[in-house]
Amino acid sequence: MFVARSSFPTAADDEFYWVDLIGAEVFNREGQPLGRVSALIDTGLHSVLCVRRPDAAPDEADTSAERLIPFVAAYVDRVDTAARRIEVDWGPDY
């Protein structure tokens, strides 16, 4: 299905369209790169970012190639859709 971007309702300040999050680079509070958003999962209660680790091989498909980060205010500090950057409170070894 195709819907023109101009037809999207305006999102509130704390709301985001998934299409704007996929491909964004994710960094923790220390500025360490955690990877790039490859997808999102809807759990019913909240969304979860699927973040492909920067050190994962391009063809690596196992679960160690991704980290899952709940897309909730407790972990997500800042989303800058223009810069395609998400800052989170998440350790590189989680």
PDB file of N, CA and C in Angstrom:
ATOM      1  N   MET A   1       0.843  -1.151   0.000  1.00  0.00           N
ATOM      2  CA  MET A   1       0.000   0.000   0.000  1.00  0.00           C
ATOM      3  C   MET A   1       0.897   1.226   0.000  1.00  0.00           C
ATOM      4  N   PHE A   2       0.522   2.212  -0.730  1.00  0.00           N
ATOM      5  CA  PHE A   2       1.260   3.464  -0.786  1.00  0.00           C
ATOM      6  C   PHE A   2       0.363   4.591  -0.292  1.00  0.00           C
ATOM      7  N   VAL A   3       0.905   5.381   0.605  1.00  0.00           N
ATOM      8  CA  VAL A   3       0.215   6.575   1.087  1.00  0.00           C
ATOM      9  C   VAL A   3       1.220   7.709   0.999  1.00  0.00           C
ATOM     10  N   ALA A   4       0.841   8.773   0.383  1.00  0.00           N
ATOM     11  CA  ALA A   4       1.732   9.924   0.252  1.00  0.00           C
ATOM     12  C   ALA A   4       2.056  10.494   1.626  1.00  0.00           C
ATOM     13  N   ARG A   5       3.297  10.889   1.813  1.00  0.00           N
ATOM     14  CA  ARG A   5       3.741  11.450   3.092  1.00  0.00           C
ATOM     15  C   ARG A   5       2.880  12.653   3.480  1.00  0.00           C
ATOM     16  N   SER A   6       2.434  13.408   2.517  1.00  0.00           N
ATOM     17  CA  SER A   6       1.603  14.582   2.798  1.00  0.00           C
ATOM     18  C   SER A   6       0.250  14.199   3.400  1.00  0.00           C
ATOM     19  N   SER A   7      -0.133  12.934   3.278  1.00  0.00           N
ATOM     20  CA  SER A   7      -1.401  12.469   3.844  1.00  0.00           C
ATOM     21  C   SER A   7      -1.263  11.988   5.285  1.00  0.00           C
ATOM     22  N   PHE A   8      -0.026  11.858   5.774  1.00  0.00           N
ATOM     23  CA  PHE A   8       0.191  11.415   7.155  1.00  0.00           C
ATOM     24  C   PHE A   8      -0.323  12.480   8.120  1.00  0.00           C
ATOM     25  N   PRO A   9      -0.987  12.072   9.186  1.00  0.00           N
ATOM     26  CA  PRO A   9      -1.325  13.048  10.223  1.00  0.00           C
ATOM     27  C   PRO A   9      -0.039  13.548  10.881  1.00  0.00           C
ATOM     28  N   THR A  10      -0.058  14.755  11.369  1.00  0.00           N
ATOM     29  CA  THR A  10       1.110  15.304  12.050  1.00  0.00           C
ATOM     30  C   THR A  10       1.318  14.564  13.363  1.00  0.00           C
ATOM     31  N   ALA A  11       2.535  14.068  13.557  1.00  0.00           N
ATOM     32  CA  ALA A  11       2.854  13.340  14.790  1.00  0.00           C
ATOM     33  C   ALA A  11       3.109  14.345  15.913  1.00  0.00           C
ATOM     34  N   ALA A  12       2.751  13.949  17.123  1.00  0.00           N
ATOM     35  CA  ALA A  12       3.039  14.784  18.295  1.00  0.00           C
ATOM     36  C   ALA A  12       4.546  14.798  18.533  1.00  0.00           C
ATOM     37  N   ASP A  13       4.990  15.663  19.422  1.00  0.00           N
ATOM     38  CA  ASP A  13       6.425  15.795  19.688  1.00  0.00           C
ATOM     39  C   ASP A  13       7.074  14.489  20.130  1.00  0.00           C
ATOM     40  N   ASP A  14       6.344  13.648  20.834  1.00  0.00           N
ATOM     41  CA  ASP A  14       6.912  12.396  21.335  1.00  0.00           C
ATOM     42  C   ASP A  14       6.424  11.176  20.542  1.00  0.00           C
ATOM     43  N   GLU A  15       5.935  11.401  19.333  1.00  0.00           N
ATOM     44  CA  GLU A  15       5.473  10.324  18.460  1.00  0.00           C
ATOM     45  C   GLU A  15       6.307  10.306  17.184  1.00  0.00           C
ATOM     46  N   PHE A  16       6.514   9.083  16.653  1.00  0.00           N
ATOM     47  CA  PHE A  16       7.344   8.939  15.465  1.00  0.00           C
ATOM     48  C   PHE A  16       6.751   7.881  14.552  1.00  0.00           C
ATOM     49  N   TYR A  17       6.898   8.097  13.278  1.00  0.00           N
ATOM     50  CA  TYR A  17       6.536   7.075  12.315  1.00  0.00           C
ATOM     51  C   TYR A  17       7.707   6.103  12.192  1.00  0.00           C
ATOM     52  N   TRP A  18       7.396   4.803  12.143  1.00  0.00           N
ATOM     53  CA  TRP A  18       8.449   3.791  12.047  1.00  0.00           C
ATOM     54  C   TRP A  18       9.353   4.049  10.853  1.00  0.00           C
ATOM     55  N   VAL A  19       8.785   4.474   9.749  1.00  0.00           N
ATOM     56  CA  VAL A  19       9.573   4.719   8.541  1.00  0.00           C
ATOM     57  C   VAL A  19      10.668   5.754   8.804  1.00  0.00           C
ATOM     58  N   ASP A  20      10.456   6.639   9.763  1.00  0.00           N
ATOM     59  CA  ASP A  20      11.459   7.651  10.096  1.00  0.00           C
ATOM     60  C   ASP A  20      12.537   7.114  11.037  1.00  0.00           C
ATOM     61  N   LEU A  21      12.275   5.992  11.678  1.00  0.00           N
ATOM     62  CA  LEU A  21      13.238   5.415  12.616  1.00  0.00           C
ATOM     63  C   LEU A  21      14.122   4.356  11.962  1.00  0.00           C
ATOM     64  N   ILE A  22      13.586   3.636  10.982  1.00  0.00           N
ATOM     65  CA  ILE A  22      14.360   2.588  10.316  1.00  0.00           C
ATOM     66  C   ILE A  22      15.529   3.223   9.571  1.00  0.00           C
ATOM     67  N   GLY A  23      16.711   2.704   9.829  1.00  0.00           N
ATOM     68  CA  GLY A  23      17.934   3.230   9.219  1.00  0.00           C
ATOM     69  C   GLY A  23      18.664   4.228  10.105  1.00  0.00           C
ATOM     70  N   ALA A  24      18.034   4.667  11.200  1.00  0.00           N
ATOM     71  CA  ALA A  24      18.683   5.629  12.094  1.00  0.00           C
ATOM     72  C   ALA A  24      19.827   4.953  12.851  1.00  0.00           C
ATOM     73  N   GLU A  25      20.882   5.701  13.085  1.00  0.00           N
ATOM     74  CA  GLU A  25      22.016   5.229  13.882  1.00  0.00           C
ATOM     75  C   GLU A  25      21.665   5.374  15.353  1.00  0.00           C
ATOM     76  N   VAL A  26      22.051   4.383  16.155  1.00  0.00           N
ATOM     77  CA  VAL A  26      21.742   4.394  17.582  1.00  0.00           C
ATOM     78  C   VAL A  26      23.046   4.494  18.371  1.00  0.00           C
ATOM     79  N   PHE A  27      23.076   5.424  19.324  1.00  0.00           N
ATOM     80  CA  PHE A  27      24.237   5.644  20.179  1.00  0.00           C
ATOM     81  C   PHE A  27      23.787   5.627  21.631  1.00  0.00           C
ATOM     82  N   ASN A  28      24.683   5.199  22.528  1.00  0.00           N
ATOM     83  CA  ASN A  28      24.331   5.257  23.941  1.00  0.00           C
ATOM     84  C   ASN A  28      24.771   6.601  24.521  1.00  0.00           C
ATOM     85  N   ARG A  29      24.556   6.789  25.812  1.00  0.00           N
ATOM     86  CA  ARG A  29      24.848   8.070  26.457  1.00  0.00           C
ATOM     87  C   ARG A  29      26.334   8.428  26.411  1.00  0.00           C
ATOM     88  N   GLU A  30      27.172   7.431  26.295  1.00  0.00           N
ATOM     89  CA  GLU A  30      28.618   7.659  26.225  1.00  0.00           C
ATOM     90  C   GLU A  30      29.072   7.939  24.791  1.00  0.00           C
ATOM     91  N   GLY A  31      28.140   7.941  23.846  1.00  0.00           N
ATOM     92  CA  GLY A  31      28.464   8.213  22.453  1.00  0.00           C
ATOM     93  C   GLY A  31      28.947   7.004  21.682  1.00  0.00           C
ATOM     94  N   GLN A  32      28.865   5.822  22.283  1.00  0.00           N
ATOM     95  CA  GLN A  32      29.289   4.598  21.603  1.00  0.00           C
ATOM     96  C   GLN A  32      28.222   4.179  20.596  1.00  0.00           C
ATOM     97  N   PRO A  33      28.625   3.836  19.370  1.00  0.00           N
ATOM     98  CA  PRO A  33      27.642   3.387  18.379  1.00  0.00           C
ATOM     99  C   PRO A  33      27.137   1.983  18.716  1.00  0.00           C
ATOM    100  N   LEU A  34      25.827   1.833  18.760  1.00  0.00           N
ATOM    101  CA  LEU A  34      25.226   0.530  19.047  1.00  0.00           C
ATOM    102  C   LEU A  34      24.734  -0.157  17.785  1.00  0.00           C
ATOM    103  N   GLY A  35      24.611   0.589  16.697  1.00  0.00           N
ATOM    104  CA  GLY A  35      24.163   0.008  15.435  1.00  0.00           C
ATOM    105  C   GLY A  35      23.132   0.877  14.748  1.00  0.00           C
ATOM    106  N   ARG A  36      22.444   0.238  13.812  1.00  0.00           N
ATOM    107  CA  ARG A  36      21.454   0.928  12.983  1.00  0.00           C
ATOM    108  C   ARG A  36      20.116   0.201  13.134  1.00  0.00           C
ATOM    109  N   VAL A  37      19.030   0.974  13.223  1.00  0.00           N
ATOM    110  CA  VAL A  37      17.696   0.382  13.336  1.00  0.00           C
ATOM    111  C   VAL A  37      17.367  -0.340  12.039  1.00  0.00           C
ATOM    112  N   SER A  38      17.128  -1.655  12.147  1.00  0.00           N
ATOM    113  CA  SER A  38      16.796  -2.455  10.970  1.00  0.00           C
ATOM    114  C   SER A  38      15.302  -2.733  10.873  1.00  0.00           C
ATOM    115  N   ALA A  39      14.614  -2.659  12.005  1.00  0.00           N
ATOM    116  CA  ALA A  39      13.172  -2.931  12.038  1.00  0.00           C
ATOM    117  C   ALA A  39      12.637  -2.522  13.404  1.00  0.00           C
ATOM    118  N   LEU A  40      11.335  -2.595  13.551  1.00  0.00           N
ATOM    119  CA  LEU A  40      10.694  -2.401  14.845  1.00  0.00           C
ATOM    120  C   LEU A  40       9.713  -3.542  15.059  1.00  0.00           C
ATOM    121  N   ILE A  41       9.491  -3.863  16.311  1.00  0.00           N
ATOM    122  CA  ILE A  41       8.539  -4.906  16.693  1.00  0.00           C
ATOM    123  C   ILE A  41       7.459  -4.248  17.537  1.00  0.00           C
ATOM    124  N   ASP A  42       6.207  -4.573  17.265  1.00  0.00           N
ATOM    125  CA  ASP A  42       5.094  -4.082  18.068  1.00  0.00           C
ATOM    126  C   ASP A  42       4.726  -5.174  19.056  1.00  0.00           C
ATOM    127  N   THR A  43       4.914  -4.918  20.344  1.00  0.00           N
ATOM    128  CA  THR A  43       4.601  -5.923  21.366  1.00  0.00           C
ATOM    129  C   THR A  43       3.194  -5.763  21.931  1.00  0.00           C
ATOM    130  N   GLY A  44       2.497  -4.742  21.491  1.00  0.00           N
ATOM    131  CA  GLY A  44       1.171  -4.462  22.049  1.00  0.00           C
ATOM    132  C   GLY A  44       1.245  -3.373  23.103  1.00  0.00           C
ATOM    133  N   LEU A  45       2.224  -3.470  24.002  1.00  0.00           N
ATOM    134  CA  LEU A  45       2.406  -2.447  25.030  1.00  0.00           C
ATOM    135  C   LEU A  45       3.275  -1.299  24.544  1.00  0.00           C
ATOM    136  N   HIS A  46       4.303  -1.645  23.778  1.00  0.00           N
ATOM    137  CA  HIS A  46       5.211  -0.635  23.240  1.00  0.00           C
ATOM    138  C   HIS A  46       5.973  -1.229  22.071  1.00  0.00           C
ATOM    139  N   SER A  47       6.695  -0.397  21.371  1.00  0.00           N
ATOM    140  CA  SER A  47       7.520  -0.865  20.265  1.00  0.00           C
ATOM    141  C   SER A  47       8.918  -1.209  20.770  1.00  0.00           C
ATOM    142  N   VAL A  48       9.609  -2.031  19.996  1.00  0.00           N
ATOM    143  CA  VAL A  48      10.982  -2.425  20.313  1.00  0.00           C
ATOM    144  C   VAL A  48      11.831  -2.155  19.075  1.00  0.00           C
ATOM    145  N   LEU A  49      12.965  -1.463  19.277  1.00  0.00           N
ATOM    146  CA  LEU A  49      13.903  -1.224  18.185  1.00  0.00           C
ATOM    147  C   LEU A  49      14.745  -2.471  17.963  1.00  0.00           C
ATOM    148  N   CYS A  50      14.848  -2.925  16.733  1.00  0.00           N
ATOM    149  CA  CYS A  50      15.790  -3.982  16.356  1.00  0.00           C
ATOM    150  C   CYS A  50      17.004  -3.247  15.800  1.00  0.00           C
ATOM    151  N   VAL A  51      18.115  -3.332  16.524  1.00  0.00           N
ATOM    152  CA  VAL A  51      19.307  -2.573  16.166  1.00  0.00           C
ATOM    153  C   VAL A  51      20.392  -3.540  15.722  1.00  0.00           C
ATOM    154  N   ARG A  52      20.770  -3.455  14.470  1.00  0.00           N
ATOM    155  CA  ARG A  52      21.821  -4.312  13.914  1.00  0.00           C
ATOM    156  C   ARG A  52      23.163  -3.807  14.397  1.00  0.00           C
ATOM    157  N   ARG A  53      23.911  -4.678  15.069  1.00  0.00           N
ATOM    158  CA  ARG A  53      25.211  -4.303  15.636  1.00  0.00           C
ATOM    159  C   ARG A  53      26.171  -3.841  14.544  1.00  0.00           C
ATOM    160  N   PRO A  54      26.979  -2.828  14.827  1.00  0.00           N
ATOM    161  CA  PRO A  54      27.897  -2.323  13.796  1.00  0.00           C
ATOM    162  C   PRO A  54      28.976  -3.331  13.411  1.00  0.00           C
ATOM    163  N   ASP A  55      29.278  -4.285  14.290  1.00  0.00           N
ATOM    164  CA  ASP A  55      30.318  -5.268  14.001  1.00  0.00           C
ATOM    165  C   ASP A  55      29.769  -6.558  13.396  1.00  0.00           C
ATOM    166  N   ALA A  56      28.467  -6.618  13.128  1.00  0.00           N
ATOM    167  CA  ALA A  56      27.855  -7.817  12.551  1.00  0.00           C
ATOM    168  C   ALA A  56      28.204  -7.929  11.075  1.00  0.00           C
ATOM    169  N   ALA A  57      28.515  -9.129  10.650  1.00  0.00           N
ATOM    170  CA  ALA A  57      28.793  -9.368   9.234  1.00  0.00           C
ATOM    171  C   ALA A  57      27.514  -9.115   8.434  1.00  0.00           C
ATOM    172  N   PRO A  58      27.639  -8.621   7.196  1.00  0.00           N
ATOM    173  CA  PRO A  58      26.445  -8.300   6.388  1.00  0.00           C
ATOM    174  C   PRO A  58      25.489  -9.476   6.218  1.00  0.00           C
ATOM    175  N   ASP A  59      26.014 -10.682   6.161  1.00  0.00           N
ATOM    176  CA  ASP A  59      25.149 -11.853   5.945  1.00  0.00           C
ATOM    177  C   ASP A  59      24.826 -12.594   7.241  1.00  0.00           C
ATOM    178  N   GLU A  60      25.259 -12.050   8.374  1.00  0.00           N
ATOM    179  CA  GLU A  60      25.012 -12.699   9.659  1.00  0.00           C
ATOM    180  C   GLU A  60      23.531 -12.570  10.007  1.00  0.00           C
ATOM    181  N   ALA A  61      22.885 -13.702  10.231  1.00  0.00           N
ATOM    182  CA  ALA A  61      21.441 -13.687  10.460  1.00  0.00           C
ATOM    183  C   ALA A  61      21.052 -14.133  11.862  1.00  0.00           C
ATOM    184  N   ASP A  62      22.003 -14.580  12.675  1.00  0.00           N
ATOM    185  CA  ASP A  62      21.604 -15.066  13.999  1.00  0.00           C
ATOM    186  C   ASP A  62      21.259 -13.908  14.927  1.00  0.00           C
ATOM    187  N   THR A  63      20.690 -14.225  16.071  1.00  0.00           N
ATOM    188  CA  THR A  63      20.199 -13.196  16.987  1.00  0.00           C
ATOM    189  C   THR A  63      21.317 -12.377  17.604  1.00  0.00           C
ATOM    190  N   SER A  64      22.551 -12.863  17.563  1.00  0.00           N
ATOM    191  CA  SER A  64      23.651 -12.073  18.129  1.00  0.00           C
ATOM    192  C   SER A  64      23.999 -10.877  17.242  1.00  0.00           C
ATOM    193  N   ALA A  65      23.475 -10.832  16.034  1.00  0.00           N
ATOM    194  CA  ALA A  65      23.745  -9.722  15.126  1.00  0.00           C
ATOM    195  C   ALA A  65      22.889  -8.503  15.459  1.00  0.00           C
ATOM    196  N   GLU A  66      21.876  -8.683  16.311  1.00  0.00           N
ATOM    197  CA  GLU A  66      20.983  -7.579  16.656  1.00  0.00           C
ATOM    198  C   GLU A  66      20.826  -7.459  18.154  1.00  0.00           C
ATOM    199  N   ARG A  67      20.548  -6.255  18.592  1.00  0.00           N
ATOM    200  CA  ARG A  67      20.140  -6.039  19.979  1.00  0.00           C
ATOM    201  C   ARG A  67      18.739  -5.441  19.938  1.00  0.00           C
ATOM    202  N   LEU A  68      17.933  -5.784  20.918  1.00  0.00           N
ATOM    203  CA  LEU A  68      16.560  -5.299  20.999  1.00  0.00           C
ATOM    204  C   LEU A  68      16.475  -4.278  22.125  1.00  0.00           C
ATOM    205  N   ILE A  69      16.008  -3.088  21.799  1.00  0.00           N
ATOM    206  CA  ILE A  69      15.928  -2.002  22.768  1.00  0.00           C
ATOM    207  C   ILE A  69      14.483  -1.519  22.836  1.00  0.00           C
ATOM    208  N   PRO A  70      13.862  -1.609  24.016  1.00  0.00           N
ATOM    209  CA  PRO A  70      12.480  -1.102  24.141  1.00  0.00           C
ATOM    210  C   PRO A  70      12.421   0.379  23.781  1.00  0.00           C
ATOM    211  N   PHE A  71      11.463   0.728  22.943  1.00  0.00           N
ATOM    212  CA  PHE A  71      11.304   2.116  22.509  1.00  0.00           C
ATOM    213  C   PHE A  71      10.372   2.823  23.492  1.00  0.00           C
ATOM    214  N   VAL A  72      10.906   3.054  24.687  1.00  0.00           N
ATOM    215  CA  VAL A  72      10.157   3.709  25.761  1.00  0.00           C
ATOM    216  C   VAL A  72      11.048   4.785  26.382  1.00  0.00           C
ATOM    217  N   ALA A  73      10.440   5.750  27.032  1.00  0.00           N
ATOM    218  CA  ALA A  73      11.170   6.889  27.588  1.00  0.00           C
ATOM    219  C   ALA A  73      12.222   6.475  28.613  1.00  0.00           C
ATOM    220  N   ALA A  74      12.053   5.353  29.275  1.00  0.00           N
ATOM    221  CA  ALA A  74      13.038   4.902  30.260  1.00  0.00           C
ATOM    222  C   ALA A  74      14.392   4.612  29.620  1.00  0.00           C
ATOM    223  N   TYR A  75      14.414   4.268  28.330  1.00  0.00           N
ATOM    224  CA  TYR A  75      15.659   3.921  27.638  1.00  0.00           C
ATOM    225  C   TYR A  75      16.010   4.870  26.494  1.00  0.00           C
ATOM    226  N   VAL A  76      15.022   5.490  25.899  1.00  0.00           N
ATOM    227  CA  VAL A  76      15.270   6.364  24.753  1.00  0.00           C
ATOM    228  C   VAL A  76      15.336   7.803  25.253  1.00  0.00           C
ATOM    229  N   ASP A  77      16.522   8.393  25.128  1.00  0.00           N
ATOM    230  CA  ASP A  77      16.732   9.759  25.605  1.00  0.00           C
ATOM    231  C   ASP A  77      16.350  10.802  24.568  1.00  0.00           C
ATOM    232  N   ARG A  78      16.703  10.526  23.296  1.00  0.00           N
ATOM    233  CA  ARG A  78      16.496  11.548  22.265  1.00  0.00           C
ATOM    234  C   ARG A  78      16.370  10.890  20.904  1.00  0.00           C
ATOM    235  N   VAL A  79      15.448  11.410  20.112  1.00  0.00           N
ATOM    236  CA  VAL A  79      15.291  10.976  18.723  1.00  0.00           C
ATOM    237  C   VAL A  79      15.390  12.208  17.848  1.00  0.00           C
ATOM    238  N   ASP A  80      16.345  12.180  16.924  1.00  0.00           N
ATOM    239  CA  ASP A  80      16.522  13.281  15.980  1.00  0.00           C
ATOM    240  C   ASP A  80      16.302  12.689  14.590  1.00  0.00           C
ATOM    241  N   THR A  81      15.067  12.804  14.089  1.00  0.00           N
ATOM    242  CA  THR A  81      14.757  12.192  12.795  1.00  0.00           C
ATOM    243  C   THR A  81      15.492  12.878  11.653  1.00  0.00           C
ATOM    244  N   ALA A  82      15.738  14.182  11.764  1.00  0.00           N
ATOM    245  CA  ALA A  82      16.450  14.892  10.700  1.00  0.00           C
ATOM    246  C   ALA A  82      17.892  14.396  10.581  1.00  0.00           C
ATOM    247  N   ALA A  83      18.529  14.141  11.718  1.00  0.00           N
ATOM    248  CA  ALA A  83      19.914  13.650  11.721  1.00  0.00           C
ATOM    249  C   ALA A  83      19.979  12.126  11.638  1.00  0.00           C
ATOM    250  N   ARG A  84      18.802  11.457  11.688  1.00  0.00           N
ATOM    251  CA  ARG A  84      18.736   9.987  11.653  1.00  0.00           C
ATOM    252  C   ARG A  84      19.553   9.401  12.799  1.00  0.00           C
ATOM    253  N   ARG A  85      19.326   9.931  14.022  1.00  0.00           N
ATOM    254  CA  ARG A  85      20.103   9.545  15.199  1.00  0.00           C
ATOM    255  C   ARG A  85      19.172   9.334  16.390  1.00  0.00           C
ATOM    256  N   ILE A  86      19.414   8.252  17.122  1.00  0.00           N
ATOM    257  CA  ILE A  86      18.667   7.947  18.336  1.00  0.00           C
ATOM    258  C   ILE A  86      19.680   7.746  19.452  1.00  0.00           C
ATOM    259  N   GLU A  87      19.463   8.406  20.590  1.00  0.00           N
ATOM    260  CA  GLU A  87      20.342   8.268  21.742  1.00  0.00           C
ATOM    261  C   GLU A  87      19.587   7.530  22.838  1.00  0.00           C
ATOM    262  N   VAL A  88      20.263   6.512  23.405  1.00  0.00           N
ATOM    263  CA  VAL A  88      19.594   5.640  24.376  1.00  0.00           C
ATOM    264  C   VAL A  88      20.454   5.426  25.615  1.00  0.00           C
ATOM    265  N   ASP A  89      19.802   5.028  26.688  1.00  0.00           N
ATOM    266  CA  ASP A  89      20.474   4.611  27.906  1.00  0.00           C
ATOM    267  C   ASP A  89      20.583   3.085  27.829  1.00  0.00           C
ATOM    268  N   TRP A  90      21.640   2.628  27.179  1.00  0.00           N
ATOM    269  CA  TRP A  90      21.794   1.197  26.890  1.00  0.00           C
ATOM    270  C   TRP A  90      23.284   0.880  26.806  1.00  0.00           C
ATOM    271  N   GLY A  91      23.712  -0.149  27.462  1.00  0.00           N
ATOM    272  CA  GLY A  91      25.118  -0.530  27.442  1.00  0.00           C
ATOM    273  C   GLY A  91      25.495  -1.295  26.194  1.00  0.00           C
ATOM    274  N   PRO A  92      26.743  -1.184  25.757  1.00  0.00           N
ATOM    275  CA  PRO A  92      27.181  -1.913  24.557  1.00  0.00           C
ATOM    276  C   PRO A  92      27.233  -3.422  24.759  1.00  0.00           C
ATOM    277  N   ASP A  93      27.225  -3.862  26.018  1.00  0.00           N
ATOM    278  CA  ASP A  93      27.292  -5.296  26.289  1.00  0.00           C
ATOM    279  C   ASP A  93      25.934  -5.904  26.648  1.00  0.00           C
ATOM    280  N   TYR A  94      24.855  -5.138  26.505  1.00  0.00           N
ATOM    281  CA  TYR A  94      23.514  -5.669  26.789  1.00  0.00           C
ATOM    282  C   TYR A  94      23.077  -6.532  25.630  1.00  0.00           C
TER     283      TYR A  94
END
